[in-house]
Protein backbone atom coordinates (compact mmCIF):
# COMPACT_ATOMS: atom_id res chain seq x y z
CA MET A 1 89.64 4.00 -8.34
CA LYS A 2 92.32 5.67 -9.84
CA LYS A 3 91.61 8.78 -12.07
CA LEU A 4 91.79 8.62 -15.54
CA VAL A 5 93.06 11.26 -17.98
CA LEU A 6 92.56 11.79 -21.23
CA VAL A 7 96.40 12.53 -22.80
CA ALA A 8 96.59 14.38 -26.42
CA MET A 9 99.30 12.57 -28.42
CA SER A 10 100.92 14.54 -31.27
CA GLY A 11 103.96 11.65 -31.64
CA GLY A 12 106.29 14.28 -30.49
CA VAL A 13 108.62 13.93 -27.07
CA ASP A 14 106.87 16.93 -25.38
CA SER A 15 103.38 14.87 -25.37
CA SER A 16 105.43 11.24 -24.86
CA VAL A 17 106.81 12.68 -21.85
CA ALA A 18 103.79 13.96 -20.78
CA LEU A 19 102.06 10.70 -20.95
CA SER A 20 104.34 9.03 -18.84
CA LYS A 21 105.06 11.81 -16.25
CA VAL A 22 100.63 11.47 -16.08
CA LEU A 23 101.44 7.75 -14.90
CA ASP A 24 104.24 8.80 -12.62
CA MET A 25 102.04 11.08 -10.76
CA GLY A 26 99.59 7.64 -9.96
CA TYR A 27 96.78 8.07 -12.72
CA ASP A 28 95.57 6.03 -15.30
CA ALA A 29 96.00 7.42 -18.86
CA ILE A 30 94.23 6.59 -22.46
CA GLY A 31 95.97 8.44 -25.56
CA ILE A 32 94.15 10.25 -28.54
CA THR A 33 95.77 11.78 -31.38
CA MET A 34 93.47 13.87 -33.66
CA LYS A 35 93.29 13.84 -37.06
CA LEU A 36 92.75 17.54 -37.82
CA TRP A 37 93.37 18.23 -41.58
CA ASP A 38 95.01 16.68 -44.74
CA ASN A 39 96.54 19.25 -47.08
CA ARG A 40 96.65 18.88 -50.94
CA ASP A 41 99.51 19.20 -52.75
CA PRO A 42 99.58 22.03 -55.38
CA LYS A 43 101.39 20.13 -58.14
CA THR A 44 100.48 16.55 -57.48
CA ASN A 45 96.72 17.16 -55.98
CA ALA A 46 97.46 14.12 -53.58
CA ILE A 47 96.26 14.36 -50.38
CA LYS A 48 99.09 14.93 -47.30
CA PRO A 49 98.02 14.53 -43.86
CA SER A 50 99.20 17.84 -41.83
CA LEU A 51 101.70 17.46 -39.71
CA CYS A 52 99.82 17.02 -36.49
CA ASN A 53 98.15 13.69 -38.09
CA SER A 54 100.75 12.63 -40.40
CA VAL A 55 101.70 8.34 -40.71
CA ASP A 56 104.27 9.24 -38.54
CA ALA A 57 103.18 11.41 -36.15
CA ILE A 58 100.35 8.65 -35.60
CA SER A 59 102.93 5.96 -35.36
CA GLY A 60 104.68 7.58 -32.68
CA ALA A 61 101.66 8.69 -30.44
CA LYS A 62 100.92 5.04 -30.58
CA LEU A 63 104.28 3.65 -29.74
CA ILE A 64 104.58 5.49 -27.04
CA CYS A 65 101.05 4.51 -25.78
CA ASP A 66 102.14 0.84 -26.57
CA ARG A 67 105.34 0.75 -24.30
CA PHE A 68 103.04 2.23 -21.60
CA GLY A 69 100.20 -0.31 -22.07
CA VAL A 70 97.77 2.44 -22.51
CA LYS A 71 94.88 2.49 -25.08
CA HIS A 72 95.32 4.91 -28.10
CA TYR A 73 92.74 6.06 -30.09
CA THR A 74 92.96 8.34 -33.02
CA ILE A 75 89.72 10.42 -33.72
CA ASN A 76 88.47 12.29 -36.55
CA PHE A 77 87.99 16.22 -36.11
CA MET A 78 88.30 17.64 -39.49
CA ASP A 79 84.87 18.84 -39.72
CA LEU A 80 84.92 20.26 -36.38
CA PHE A 81 88.74 21.89 -37.32
CA LYS A 82 87.46 23.21 -40.68
CA LYS A 83 84.81 25.00 -39.05
CA HIS A 84 86.25 26.86 -36.26
CA VAL A 85 89.83 27.09 -37.29
CA ILE A 86 90.26 27.14 -41.09
CA ASP A 87 87.39 29.38 -41.99
CA ASP A 88 88.26 31.58 -39.42
CA PHE A 89 91.89 31.67 -40.41
CA THR A 90 90.89 32.20 -44.10
CA ASN A 91 87.87 34.88 -43.22
CA GLN A 92 91.07 36.55 -40.94
CA TYR A 93 93.37 36.83 -44.09
CA ILE A 94 90.39 37.99 -46.75
CA ASN A 95 89.71 40.80 -44.14
CA GLY A 96 93.43 42.31 -44.11
CA LYS A 97 93.44 40.77 -40.87
CA THR A 98 96.54 38.36 -39.31
CA PRO A 99 95.04 35.58 -36.99
CA ASN A 100 96.20 33.52 -34.46
CA PRO A 101 95.18 29.56 -35.72
CA CYS A 102 96.29 27.98 -32.57
CA VAL A 103 94.65 29.84 -30.37
CA LYS A 104 91.12 28.81 -31.98
CA CYS A 105 92.54 25.54 -32.12
CA ASN A 106 93.30 25.17 -28.50
CA SER A 107 90.25 26.50 -26.84
CA ILE A 108 87.60 24.65 -29.15
CA ILE A 109 89.48 21.42 -30.73
CA LYS A 110 92.04 20.44 -27.61
CA TRP A 111 89.73 21.68 -25.34
CA GLU A 112 86.26 21.71 -25.29
CA ALA A 113 86.51 18.69 -28.03
CA LEU A 114 88.40 16.81 -26.13
CA LEU A 115 86.84 17.49 -22.97
CA LYS A 116 83.50 16.30 -24.95
CA PHE A 117 85.01 13.23 -26.05
CA GLY A 118 86.46 12.73 -22.69
CA ASP A 119 82.78 12.71 -21.16
CA GLU A 120 82.12 10.03 -23.69
CA ILE A 121 84.97 7.57 -22.71
CA GLY A 122 84.65 8.68 -18.85
CA THR A 123 87.97 10.24 -18.17
CA ASP A 124 88.58 12.73 -15.25
CA TYR A 125 91.07 15.23 -16.93
CA ILE A 126 92.59 16.03 -19.74
CA ALA A 127 96.52 16.31 -20.09
CA THR A 128 98.66 18.30 -22.83
CA GLY A 129 102.21 18.72 -23.57
CA HIS A 130 101.73 22.53 -23.29
CA TYR A 131 105.25 24.49 -21.30
CA ALA A 132 102.40 26.15 -19.27
CA ARG A 133 101.28 25.11 -15.18
CA ILE A 134 98.11 25.29 -13.20
CA GLY A 135 98.21 27.52 -10.16
CA LYS A 136 96.12 29.81 -7.92
CA TYR A 137 95.40 33.26 -7.87
CA ASN A 138 93.03 35.32 -5.71
CA ASN A 139 92.20 31.28 -4.74
CA GLU A 140 91.19 30.53 -8.32
CA ASP A 141 92.96 28.14 -10.91
CA ILE A 142 94.83 29.74 -13.48
CA ILE A 143 97.49 29.37 -15.93
CA GLN A 144 100.92 30.29 -15.00
CA LYS A 145 103.70 30.33 -17.55
CA GLY A 146 105.75 27.06 -17.99
CA ILE A 147 109.29 27.55 -16.19
CA ASP A 148 111.33 27.67 -19.45
CA SER A 149 111.18 30.84 -20.65
CA ILE A 150 111.63 30.01 -24.06
CA LYS A 151 109.06 27.50 -24.53
CA ASP A 152 106.29 28.75 -22.48
CA GLN A 153 103.17 28.20 -24.36
CA SER A 154 100.52 30.15 -21.99
CA TYR A 155 100.73 32.78 -24.74
CA MET A 156 98.31 30.29 -27.01
CA LEU A 157 95.89 29.56 -24.25
CA TRP A 158 94.36 32.55 -22.95
CA ASP A 159 91.20 31.37 -24.81
CA ILE A 160 90.39 28.63 -22.64
CA ASP A 161 87.55 28.59 -20.74
CA LYS A 162 88.67 29.09 -17.04
CA LYS A 163 85.64 26.45 -15.92
CA GLN A 164 87.89 23.99 -17.93
CA LEU A 165 91.24 23.80 -15.82
CA LYS A 166 89.86 22.31 -12.59
CA ARG A 167 90.01 18.96 -15.45
CA THR A 168 93.15 20.37 -16.94
CA LEU A 169 96.82 19.36 -16.44
CA PHE A 170 100.52 20.32 -18.18
CA PRO A 171 102.58 17.75 -16.96
CA ILE A 172 106.00 19.13 -18.31
CA GLY A 173 105.07 22.97 -17.28
CA ASN A 174 107.39 22.40 -14.55
CA MET A 175 110.44 21.28 -17.07
CA THR A 176 112.58 22.86 -19.55
CA LYS A 177 112.80 21.74 -23.06
CA GLU A 178 116.50 20.51 -22.06
CA ASP A 179 115.16 18.63 -19.17
CA VAL A 180 112.07 16.94 -21.41
CA ARG A 181 114.70 15.58 -23.83
CA LYS A 182 116.94 14.18 -21.20
CA TYR A 183 113.66 12.27 -19.57
CA ALA A 184 113.33 11.08 -22.60
CA THR A 185 116.24 9.68 -23.45
CA LYS A 186 116.76 8.62 -20.48
CA ASN A 187 113.59 6.36 -20.50
CA ASN A 188 113.94 5.27 -24.23
CA LEU A 189 111.31 6.85 -25.31
CA GLU A 190 110.99 6.45 -29.48
CA THR A 191 110.28 9.97 -29.93
CA ALA A 192 113.00 11.40 -27.99
CA LYS A 193 115.08 12.91 -31.09
CA ARG A 194 111.89 13.61 -33.09
CA ASP A 195 111.86 17.49 -34.91
CA GLU A 196 109.71 19.96 -33.29
CA SER A 197 107.52 21.38 -36.02
CA GLN A 198 108.02 24.81 -36.53
CA ASP A 199 105.18 25.74 -38.77
CA LEU A 200 101.38 25.80 -39.02
CA CYS A 201 100.07 22.42 -38.89
CA PHE A 202 97.89 22.66 -41.74
CA VAL A 203 99.82 24.56 -44.30
CA LEU A 204 102.40 23.13 -46.65
CA GLY A 205 105.78 24.79 -46.93
CA ASN A 206 104.44 28.05 -44.76
CA ASP A 207 102.99 29.44 -48.04
CA TYR A 208 99.87 30.78 -46.49
CA ASN A 209 98.79 32.51 -49.99
CA GLU A 210 98.88 29.23 -51.34
CA PHE A 211 96.96 27.45 -48.93
CA LEU A 212 94.16 30.67 -49.12
CA HIS A 213 94.06 29.44 -53.20
CA GLU A 214 93.49 25.94 -52.39
CA ILE A 215 90.64 26.31 -49.77
CA ILE A 216 88.73 29.35 -51.31
CA PRO A 217 89.94 29.69 -54.96
CA ASP A 218 86.36 31.71 -55.56
CA LYS A 219 87.52 34.68 -53.15
CA MET A 220 91.32 34.81 -54.02
CA ALA A 221 90.28 35.12 -57.66
CA ASN A 222 88.69 38.34 -56.92
CA ILE A 223 91.96 39.76 -55.40
CA LYS A 224 93.47 41.44 -57.13
CA ASN A 225 96.72 44.14 -57.45
CA GLY A 226 96.24 47.24 -56.50
CA PRO A 227 98.35 50.38 -55.08
CA ILE A 228 100.63 50.96 -52.71
CA LYS A 229 100.66 54.20 -51.15
CA ASP A 230 102.63 55.92 -48.70
CA GLU A 231 101.38 57.98 -45.22
CA GLU A 232 100.85 61.01 -47.41
CA GLY A 233 98.41 58.89 -49.64
CA LYS A 234 101.08 59.20 -52.47
CA ILE A 235 100.93 55.53 -54.70
CA VAL A 236 104.38 54.43 -54.65
CA GLY A 237 104.09 51.15 -55.99
CA GLU A 238 102.23 48.37 -56.93
CA HIS A 239 100.97 45.18 -54.28
CA GLN A 240 100.62 41.74 -55.89
CA GLY A 241 97.50 40.74 -54.26
CA PHE A 242 96.91 42.24 -49.81
CA THR A 243 96.60 38.65 -48.91
CA LYS A 244 100.52 38.18 -49.54
CA TYR A 245 101.39 40.73 -47.27
CA THR A 246 101.41 41.37 -43.15
CA ILE A 247 101.78 44.39 -40.93
CA GLY A 248 105.35 45.04 -39.90
CA GLN A 249 106.60 43.32 -43.39
CA ARG A 250 109.80 44.85 -45.33
CA ARG A 251 110.88 42.16 -47.10
CA GLY A 252 109.00 41.48 -50.37
CA ILE A 253 107.09 44.69 -51.02
CA GLY A 254 109.25 45.22 -54.35
CA LEU A 255 110.03 48.82 -53.28
CA SER A 256 113.04 50.59 -53.62
CA PHE A 257 113.83 53.68 -51.09
CA PRO A 258 117.54 54.69 -49.47
CA GLU A 259 115.63 54.17 -45.97
CA PRO A 260 113.41 50.80 -45.86
CA ARG A 261 109.93 51.07 -45.96
CA TYR A 262 107.32 48.41 -43.96
CA VAL A 263 103.96 47.32 -44.35
CA GLN A 264 101.87 49.93 -41.93
CA LYS A 265 98.25 49.25 -43.20
CA ILE A 266 96.25 47.17 -45.01
CA ASN A 267 92.89 48.37 -46.95
CA PRO A 268 90.96 45.18 -47.95
CA VAL A 269 87.90 47.57 -48.86
CA ASN A 270 89.67 49.96 -51.42
CA ASN A 271 92.23 47.17 -52.42
CA THR A 272 95.27 49.34 -50.92
CA ILE A 273 98.76 48.56 -48.62
CA THR A 274 100.54 51.87 -46.74
CA VAL A 275 104.07 51.64 -46.34
CA SER A 276 105.93 53.91 -44.01
CA LYS A 277 109.30 54.08 -42.05
CA LYS A 278 110.03 52.00 -39.29
CA GLU A 279 109.09 54.38 -36.53
CA SER A 280 106.11 55.14 -37.95
CA LEU A 281 105.10 51.42 -37.03
CA TYR A 282 105.14 51.98 -33.37
CA SER A 283 101.86 52.98 -31.53
CA LYS A 284 101.10 52.97 -27.69
CA THR A 285 96.71 52.26 -28.30
CA CYS A 286 94.94 49.79 -29.58
CA VAL A 287 91.18 48.38 -29.09
CA CYS A 288 90.56 44.54 -28.42
CA TYR A 289 87.70 42.18 -28.82
CA ASN A 290 86.62 38.80 -27.57
CA MET A 291 88.07 39.21 -24.13
CA ASN A 292 88.50 36.44 -22.10
CA PHE A 293 89.85 36.43 -18.29
CA PHE A 294 90.73 34.14 -15.92
CA THR A 295 89.93 35.90 -13.03
CA ASN A 296 86.80 37.75 -11.35
CA ASN A 297 86.22 40.92 -9.54
CA LEU A 298 88.43 43.13 -12.06
CA LYS A 299 88.78 46.56 -11.87
CA PHE A 300 89.16 48.96 -14.82
CA PRO A 301 91.08 50.56 -15.25
CA MET A 302 94.29 48.13 -14.30
CA THR A 303 97.59 47.87 -15.08
CA LEU A 304 99.10 44.28 -16.55
CA ASP A 305 102.06 43.56 -18.51
CA ALA A 306 100.76 42.87 -22.05
CA LYS A 307 102.27 40.53 -25.33
CA ILE A 308 101.06 41.36 -28.45
CA ARG A 309 102.51 38.56 -30.44
CA TYR A 310 103.72 34.95 -29.03
CA ASN A 311 107.48 36.15 -29.45
CA SER A 312 107.55 39.80 -27.94
CA LYS A 313 108.67 40.97 -24.81
CA SER A 314 105.80 41.96 -22.05
CA SER A 315 105.10 45.75 -21.68
CA ILE A 316 102.99 47.46 -19.26
CA ALA A 317 99.79 48.27 -20.20
CA THR A 318 96.57 49.80 -18.79
CA ILE A 319 93.47 48.15 -19.69
CA ASP A 320 90.21 50.40 -19.70
CA LYS A 321 86.50 49.11 -20.28
CA LYS A 322 84.24 51.70 -21.49
CA ASP A 323 80.59 50.78 -23.04
CA ASN A 324 81.76 47.15 -23.31
CA GLN A 325 84.96 47.94 -25.50
CA PHE A 326 87.81 47.50 -24.30
CA LYS A 327 91.09 50.11 -25.00
CA VAL A 328 94.76 49.39 -24.03
CA GLU A 329 97.07 52.06 -23.78
CA PHE A 330 100.91 51.13 -23.41
CA GLU A 331 103.53 52.47 -21.67
CA ASP A 332 106.43 52.49 -24.10
CA PRO A 333 105.10 52.34 -27.68
CA GLN A 334 105.04 49.22 -29.33
CA LEU A 335 105.73 47.78 -32.50
CA ALA A 336 103.39 47.09 -35.59
CA ILE A 337 100.66 46.12 -33.14
CA THR A 338 98.84 43.84 -35.90
CA PRO A 339 94.76 43.28 -36.13
CA GLY A 340 93.56 39.64 -35.81
CA GLN A 341 96.34 38.75 -33.20
CA SER A 342 96.38 37.75 -29.59
CA ILE A 343 96.80 40.34 -26.66
CA VAL A 344 97.77 38.90 -23.81
CA PHE A 345 97.70 40.14 -20.33
CA TYR A 346 99.75 39.04 -17.15
CA LYS A 347 100.53 39.82 -13.14
CA LYS A 348 103.71 38.16 -13.00
CA ASP A 349 104.21 34.72 -14.12
CA PHE A 350 100.08 34.53 -14.01
CA LEU A 351 97.82 34.32 -16.93
CA ILE A 352 95.14 36.65 -16.13
CA GLY A 353 93.38 36.90 -19.82
CA GLY A 354 93.90 37.90 -23.10
CA ALA A 355 91.46 39.25 -26.55
CA ILE A 356 91.70 39.93 -30.39
CA ILE A 357 93.53 43.35 -31.63
CA GLY A 358 91.21 45.11 -32.96
CA SER A 359 91.77 48.77 -34.92
């Protein structure tokens, strides 16, 4: 019998082509669209589905599944998403950090929960439209960067349990975005020209602060204006609530200096923000936690390529482990290393592991 693949369908062109490719590879398939979140419009109080489970998204997924004669499910993961993604997102911001919610969504929702659902309906694998690949490193399954260097999404996949890779397919990892569009157009897929979503799927209008007021109004009511200080501790202005700011931010601080000032530190305990000139944002070290590695028998210290944000370039760094704490030292100073963000490690194009940036 053919192996059965559960394909995550967002209604976009990437997952549509992923489904087609799974069928081309000789598998049987089932499509699934995950209902993750509903937004409440702050002006009208009306419920609006998030971008990933809008009527347009679900309809697009169903159209593609119908075209290929594949069953399609829409499953409600909203409670799970709230518990593991939304709550973590809000807690991090309240504590002055800047989280990567897509990382949590991938590891807990799109892999752990999806594989569990797949077990219930008898599927062998899951497949997604991520631009990434599965390869071998020291004879172990490991994630590799997608061949499209611009679209590569391996950075967001570092927290997946490595045991789950044996049941994972990335059907478009060997394609560029241009290849995917051309394939969809050539095969007359209904989603071939659908625009990509650039923002977080659960934040309307990309207004994080408004979203926090919607989700945790009591906690946000306690966040007041506070002092903005320079590196010497001198008060140079007033901030409008620390959740409105992120490390490295330049615009919207409300200060006037001959030379621009940037947010250097956020201290939620004493409700202060520290600003500095750009050169003071550079650092060569950080500590990290929640480390996840995809390969065994690692010896510390070890030198790898590291990325501190999705769109940044990799830099050579040495990772050392002492008393169950990981410290990273970069060969070259890095701009605005941000607590709460992900730091991800590579050996060539192999994803060795990742962690959350601490202090």
